[in-house]
Amino acid sequence: MGSASPRDHLMKLLEPVVSAEGLDLEDITVTQAGRRRVLRVIVDRDGGVSLDDIADVSQAVSEALDDDDAMGQAAYTLEVSSPGVDRPLTEPRHWRRATRRLVKAELRDGSVVEGRITAADDAGVDLDVEGAPRRLEYEDLARGRVQVEFRRIDDVDGDEG
């Protein structure tokens, strides 16, 4: 494998497999759980990921791992899932997928802005901050996080009483 880390090798191996299923490979982690290792593969796409998508990509990933022997001979458990709500928003696609969600954005200058994403494109994100529009360019953003809401704006839109 040369100087590439095992994680880098897995990312390079699995990215085209996941992409062929119409998904984005967001992350891979390998952790020890007793005598077994757990390989977690995080996938996502615009519009979200269904259980059928997870099943299909799990099968494809499992076959690729068997063919490559990337995990070696020791036992491991494969877990494929979509990212949780606590995943940091670091890529333009993360911001786009969070449109209409309430987020807390950390800026590179150390300030923090909280608002609802109204739009996101390749250059930046538009927020509604207390009723006022605000444009943030990605180069000015350190990261963001979706804020957990028990009653999202989607729920209020169709609620007449």
C-alpha atoms as a PDB file:
ATOM      1  CA  MET A   1       0.000   0.000   0.000  1.00  0.00           C
ATOM      2  CA  GLY A   2       2.970   2.333   0.266  1.00  0.00           C
ATOM      3  CA  SER A   3       2.517   5.429   2.409  1.00  0.00           C
ATOM      4  CA  ALA A   4      -1.276   5.568   2.092  1.00  0.00           C
ATOM      5  CA  SER A   5      -3.117   5.004   5.375  1.00  0.00           C
ATOM      6  CA  PRO A   6      -5.623   2.137   5.656  1.00  0.00           C
ATOM      7  CA  ARG A   7      -8.441   4.746   5.754  1.00  0.00           C
ATOM      8  CA  ASP A   8      -7.140   6.395   2.563  1.00  0.00           C
ATOM      9  CA  HIS A   9      -6.988   3.008   0.868  1.00  0.00           C
ATOM     10  CA  LEU A  10     -10.572   2.227   1.925  1.00  0.00           C
ATOM     11  CA  MET A  11     -11.797   5.639   0.736  1.00  0.00           C
ATOM     12  CA  LYS A  12     -10.117   5.140  -2.648  1.00  0.00           C
ATOM     13  CA  LEU A  13     -11.503   1.594  -2.937  1.00  0.00           C
ATOM     14  CA  LEU A  14     -15.077   2.368  -1.859  1.00  0.00           C
ATOM     15  CA  GLU A  15     -15.716   5.834  -3.379  1.00  0.00           C
ATOM     16  CA  PRO A  16     -16.372   4.460  -6.901  1.00  0.00           C
ATOM     17  CA  VAL A  17     -18.463   1.599  -5.475  1.00  0.00           C
ATOM     18  CA  VAL A  18     -20.673   3.999  -3.517  1.00  0.00           C
ATOM     19  CA  SER A  19     -20.794   6.453  -6.424  1.00  0.00           C
ATOM     20  CA  ALA A  20     -21.974   3.670  -8.772  1.00  0.00           C
ATOM     21  CA  GLU A  21     -24.982   3.281  -6.447  1.00  0.00           C
ATOM     22  CA  GLY A  22     -25.785   7.002  -6.907  1.00  0.00           C
ATOM     23  CA  LEU A  23     -24.544   8.034  -3.452  1.00  0.00           C
ATOM     24  CA  ASP A  24     -21.743  10.169  -2.014  1.00  0.00           C
ATOM     25  CA  LEU A  25     -19.191   8.569   0.308  1.00  0.00           C
ATOM     26  CA  GLU A  26     -19.097  10.963   3.267  1.00  0.00           C
ATOM     27  CA  ASP A  27     -16.810   9.147   5.692  1.00  0.00           C
ATOM     28  CA  ILE A  28     -15.243   5.858   6.743  1.00  0.00           C
ATOM     29  CA  THR A  29     -14.135   4.895  10.236  1.00  0.00           C
ATOM     30  CA  VAL A  30     -12.641   1.690  11.590  1.00  0.00           C
ATOM     31  CA  THR A  31     -12.917   1.147  15.339  1.00  0.00           C
ATOM     32  CA  GLN A  32     -12.118  -1.737  17.643  1.00  0.00           C
ATOM     33  CA  ALA A  33     -15.079  -3.359  19.439  1.00  0.00           C
ATOM     34  CA  GLY A  34     -13.703  -6.125  21.640  1.00  0.00           C
ATOM     35  CA  ARG A  35     -12.066  -8.706  19.379  1.00  0.00           C
ATOM     36  CA  ARG A  36     -13.848  -7.389  16.291  1.00  0.00           C
ATOM     37  CA  ARG A  37     -13.381  -4.298  14.255  1.00  0.00           C
ATOM     38  CA  VAL A  38     -16.308  -2.181  13.083  1.00  0.00           C
ATOM     39  CA  LEU A  39     -16.106  -0.560   9.655  1.00  0.00           C
ATOM     40  CA  ARG A  40     -18.593   2.322   9.433  1.00  0.00           C
ATOM     41  CA  VAL A  41     -19.358   3.669   5.983  1.00  0.00           C
ATOM     42  CA  ILE A  42     -21.370   6.898   5.887  1.00  0.00           C
ATOM     43  CA  VAL A  43     -23.245   7.665   2.644  1.00  0.00           C
ATOM     44  CA  ASP A  44     -25.640  10.397   1.574  1.00  0.00           C
ATOM     45  CA  ARG A  45     -27.225  12.094  -1.435  1.00  0.00           C
ATOM     46  CA  ASP A  46     -29.583  14.901  -2.284  1.00  0.00           C
ATOM     47  CA  GLY A  47     -33.077  13.904  -1.155  1.00  0.00           C
ATOM     48  CA  GLY A  48     -31.760  11.518   1.501  1.00  0.00           C
ATOM     49  CA  VAL A  49     -31.043   7.813   1.642  1.00  0.00           C
ATOM     50  CA  SER A  50     -33.660   5.047   1.956  1.00  0.00           C
ATOM     51  CA  LEU A  51     -33.291   1.659   3.647  1.00  0.00           C
ATOM     52  CA  ASP A  52     -33.256   0.059   0.191  1.00  0.00           C
ATOM     53  CA  ASP A  53     -30.357   2.345  -0.770  1.00  0.00           C
ATOM     54  CA  ILE A  54     -28.483   1.280   2.372  1.00  0.00           C
ATOM     55  CA  ALA A  55     -29.101  -2.406   1.615  1.00  0.00           C
ATOM     56  CA  ASP A  56     -27.925  -2.053  -1.999  1.00  0.00           C
ATOM     57  CA  VAL A  57     -24.772  -0.126  -1.153  1.00  0.00           C
ATOM     58  CA  SER A  58     -24.016  -2.486   1.771  1.00  0.00           C
ATOM     59  CA  GLN A  59     -24.015  -5.435  -0.627  1.00  0.00           C
ATOM     60  CA  ALA A  60     -21.799  -3.619  -3.154  1.00  0.00           C
ATOM     61  CA  VAL A  61     -19.355  -2.469  -0.443  1.00  0.00           C
ATOM     62  CA  SER A  62     -19.181  -5.969   1.047  1.00  0.00           C
ATOM     63  CA  GLU A  63     -18.342  -7.474  -2.358  1.00  0.00           C
ATOM     64  CA  ALA A  64     -15.654  -4.856  -3.013  1.00  0.00           C
ATOM     65  CA  LEU A  65     -14.085  -5.490   0.394  1.00  0.00           C
ATOM     66  CA  ASP A  66     -14.088  -9.253  -0.195  1.00  0.00           C
ATOM     67  CA  ASP A  67     -12.464  -8.844  -3.621  1.00  0.00           C
ATOM     68  CA  ASP A  68      -9.763  -6.485  -2.332  1.00  0.00           C
ATOM     69  CA  ASP A  69      -9.140  -8.087   1.084  1.00  0.00           C
ATOM     70  CA  ALA A  70      -8.751  -4.515   2.383  1.00  0.00           C
ATOM     71  CA  MET A  71      -9.884  -5.480   5.871  1.00  0.00           C
ATOM     72  CA  GLY A  72      -7.521  -8.459   6.098  1.00  0.00           C
ATOM     73  CA  GLN A  73      -8.383 -11.834   7.592  1.00  0.00           C
ATOM     74  CA  ALA A  74      -9.561 -10.654  11.030  1.00  0.00           C
ATOM     75  CA  ALA A  75     -13.306 -10.526  11.701  1.00  0.00           C
ATOM     76  CA  TYR A  76     -15.095  -7.212  11.261  1.00  0.00           C
ATOM     77  CA  THR A  77     -18.626  -5.860  11.170  1.00  0.00           C
ATOM     78  CA  LEU A  78     -19.738  -3.628   8.300  1.00  0.00           C
ATOM     79  CA  GLU A  79     -22.164  -0.822   9.157  1.00  0.00           C
ATOM     80  CA  VAL A  80     -23.505   1.416   6.382  1.00  0.00           C
ATOM     81  CA  SER A  81     -25.645   4.403   7.327  1.00  0.00           C
ATOM     82  CA  SER A  82     -26.501   7.990   6.494  1.00  0.00           C
ATOM     83  CA  PRO A  83     -24.963  10.880   8.457  1.00  0.00           C
ATOM     84  CA  GLY A  84     -26.609  11.944  11.687  1.00  0.00           C
ATOM     85  CA  VAL A  85     -28.013  15.375  12.409  1.00  0.00           C
ATOM     86  CA  ASP A  86     -24.849  16.215  14.373  1.00  0.00           C
ATOM     87  CA  ARG A  87     -22.597  15.908  11.310  1.00  0.00           C
ATOM     88  CA  PRO A  88     -20.725  19.174  10.734  1.00  0.00           C
ATOM     89  CA  LEU A  89     -21.646  21.036   7.545  1.00  0.00           C
ATOM     90  CA  THR A  90     -18.292  21.408   5.821  1.00  0.00           C
ATOM     91  CA  GLU A  91     -18.942  20.876   2.105  1.00  0.00           C
ATOM     92  CA  PRO A  92     -21.272  22.832  -0.211  1.00  0.00           C
ATOM     93  CA  ARG A  93     -23.395  19.683  -0.688  1.00  0.00           C
ATOM     94  CA  HIS A  94     -23.914  19.456   3.096  1.00  0.00           C
ATOM     95  CA  TRP A  95     -25.265  23.016   3.189  1.00  0.00           C
ATOM     96  CA  ARG A  96     -27.470  22.405   0.126  1.00  0.00           C
ATOM     97  CA  ARG A  97     -28.944  19.263   1.696  1.00  0.00           C
ATOM     98  CA  ALA A  98     -29.784  21.237   4.853  1.00  0.00           C
ATOM     99  CA  THR A  99     -31.898  23.849   3.011  1.00  0.00           C
ATOM    100  CA  ARG A 100     -34.838  25.004   5.178  1.00  0.00           C
ATOM    101  CA  ARG A 101     -33.081  23.767   8.325  1.00  0.00           C
ATOM    102  CA  LEU A 102     -32.006  25.964  11.233  1.00  0.00           C
ATOM    103  CA  VAL A 103     -28.199  26.054  11.480  1.00  0.00           C
ATOM    104  CA  LYS A 104     -25.489  27.557  13.613  1.00  0.00           C
ATOM    105  CA  ALA A 105     -22.591  28.718  11.415  1.00  0.00           C
ATOM    106  CA  GLU A 106     -19.118  29.278  12.823  1.00  0.00           C
ATOM    107  CA  LEU A 107     -17.200  31.870  10.823  1.00  0.00           C
ATOM    108  CA  ARG A 108     -13.429  31.933  10.349  1.00  0.00           C
ATOM    109  CA  ASP A 109     -13.281  35.276  12.215  1.00  0.00           C
ATOM    110  CA  GLY A 110     -14.598  33.519  15.344  1.00  0.00           C
ATOM    111  CA  SER A 111     -18.151  34.869  15.207  1.00  0.00           C
ATOM    112  CA  VAL A 112     -21.245  32.668  15.131  1.00  0.00           C
ATOM    113  CA  VAL A 113     -24.425  33.200  13.114  1.00  0.00           C
ATOM    114  CA  GLU A 114     -27.674  31.295  13.602  1.00  0.00           C
ATOM    115  CA  GLY A 115     -30.334  31.241  10.924  1.00  0.00           C
ATOM    116  CA  ARG A 116     -32.411  29.155   8.541  1.00  0.00           C
ATOM    117  CA  ILE A 117     -30.846  28.137   5.215  1.00  0.00           C
ATOM    118  CA  THR A 118     -32.905  29.554   2.361  1.00  0.00           C
ATOM    119  CA  ALA A 119     -30.510  28.559  -0.456  1.00  0.00           C
ATOM    120  CA  ALA A 120     -27.024  27.198  -1.071  1.00  0.00           C
ATOM    121  CA  ASP A 121     -24.904  27.131  -4.216  1.00  0.00           C
ATOM    122  CA  ASP A 122     -21.279  26.419  -5.125  1.00  0.00           C
ATOM    123  CA  ALA A 123     -20.027  29.738  -3.685  1.00  0.00           C
ATOM    124  CA  GLY A 124     -21.970  30.133  -0.453  1.00  0.00           C
ATOM    125  CA  VAL A 125     -25.151  29.884   1.558  1.00  0.00           C
ATOM    126  CA  ASP A 126     -28.087  32.245   2.126  1.00  0.00           C
ATOM    127  CA  LEU A 127     -29.521  32.407   5.626  1.00  0.00           C
ATOM    128  CA  ASP A 128     -32.606  34.008   7.085  1.00  0.00           C
ATOM    129  CA  VAL A 129     -31.247  35.514  10.308  1.00  0.00           C
ATOM    130  CA  GLU A 130     -34.128  36.781  12.450  1.00  0.00           C
ATOM    131  CA  GLY A 131     -36.100  37.786   9.346  1.00  0.00           C
ATOM    132  CA  ALA A 132     -33.164  39.423   7.531  1.00  0.00           C
ATOM    133  CA  PRO A 133     -31.350  37.755   4.629  1.00  0.00           C
ATOM    134  CA  ARG A 134     -27.603  37.173   5.022  1.00  0.00           C
ATOM    135  CA  ARG A 135     -25.169  35.720   2.498  1.00  0.00           C
ATOM    136  CA  LEU A 136     -22.167  33.747   3.761  1.00  0.00           C
ATOM    137  CA  GLU A 137     -19.421  32.696   1.361  1.00  0.00           C
ATOM    138  CA  TYR A 138     -17.891  29.255   2.020  1.00  0.00           C
ATOM    139  CA  GLU A 139     -14.424  30.815   2.263  1.00  0.00           C
ATOM    140  CA  ASP A 140     -15.688  32.736   5.330  1.00  0.00           C
ATOM    141  CA  LEU A 141     -17.236  29.664   6.990  1.00  0.00           C
ATOM    142  CA  ALA A 142     -15.348  27.350   9.321  1.00  0.00           C
ATOM    143  CA  ARG A 143     -18.285  24.919   9.665  1.00  0.00           C
ATOM    144  CA  GLY A 144     -21.921  24.700  10.573  1.00  0.00           C
ATOM    145  CA  ARG A 145     -24.285  22.450  12.451  1.00  0.00           C
ATOM    146  CA  VAL A 146     -27.961  21.760  11.989  1.00  0.00           C
ATOM    147  CA  GLN A 147     -29.846  22.724  15.135  1.00  0.00           C
ATOM    148  CA  VAL A 148     -32.278  20.164  16.493  1.00  0.00           C
ATOM    149  CA  GLU A 149     -35.842  21.462  16.295  1.00  0.00           C
ATOM    150  CA  PHE A 150     -38.786  19.681  17.824  1.00  0.00           C
ATOM    151  CA  ARG A 151     -41.084  21.589  15.500  1.00  0.00           C
ATOM    152  CA  ARG A 152     -39.511  22.448  12.166  1.00  0.00           C
ATOM    153  CA  ILE A 153     -40.804  25.096   9.781  1.00  0.00           C
ATOM    154  CA  ASP A 154     -42.042  22.244   7.516  1.00  0.00           C
ATOM    155  CA  ASP A 155     -44.423  21.208  10.313  1.00  0.00           C
ATOM    156  CA  VAL A 156     -45.758  24.731  10.818  1.00  0.00           C
ATOM    157  CA  ASP A 157     -46.429  25.401   7.085  1.00  0.00           C
ATOM    158  CA  GLY A 158     -49.312  22.921   6.869  1.00  0.00           C
ATOM    159  CA  ASP A 159     -50.567  23.414  10.423  1.00  0.00           C
ATOM    160  CA  GLU A 160     -53.784  25.416  10.543  1.00  0.00           C
ATOM    161  CA  GLY A 161     -54.817  24.662  14.062  1.00  0.00           C
END
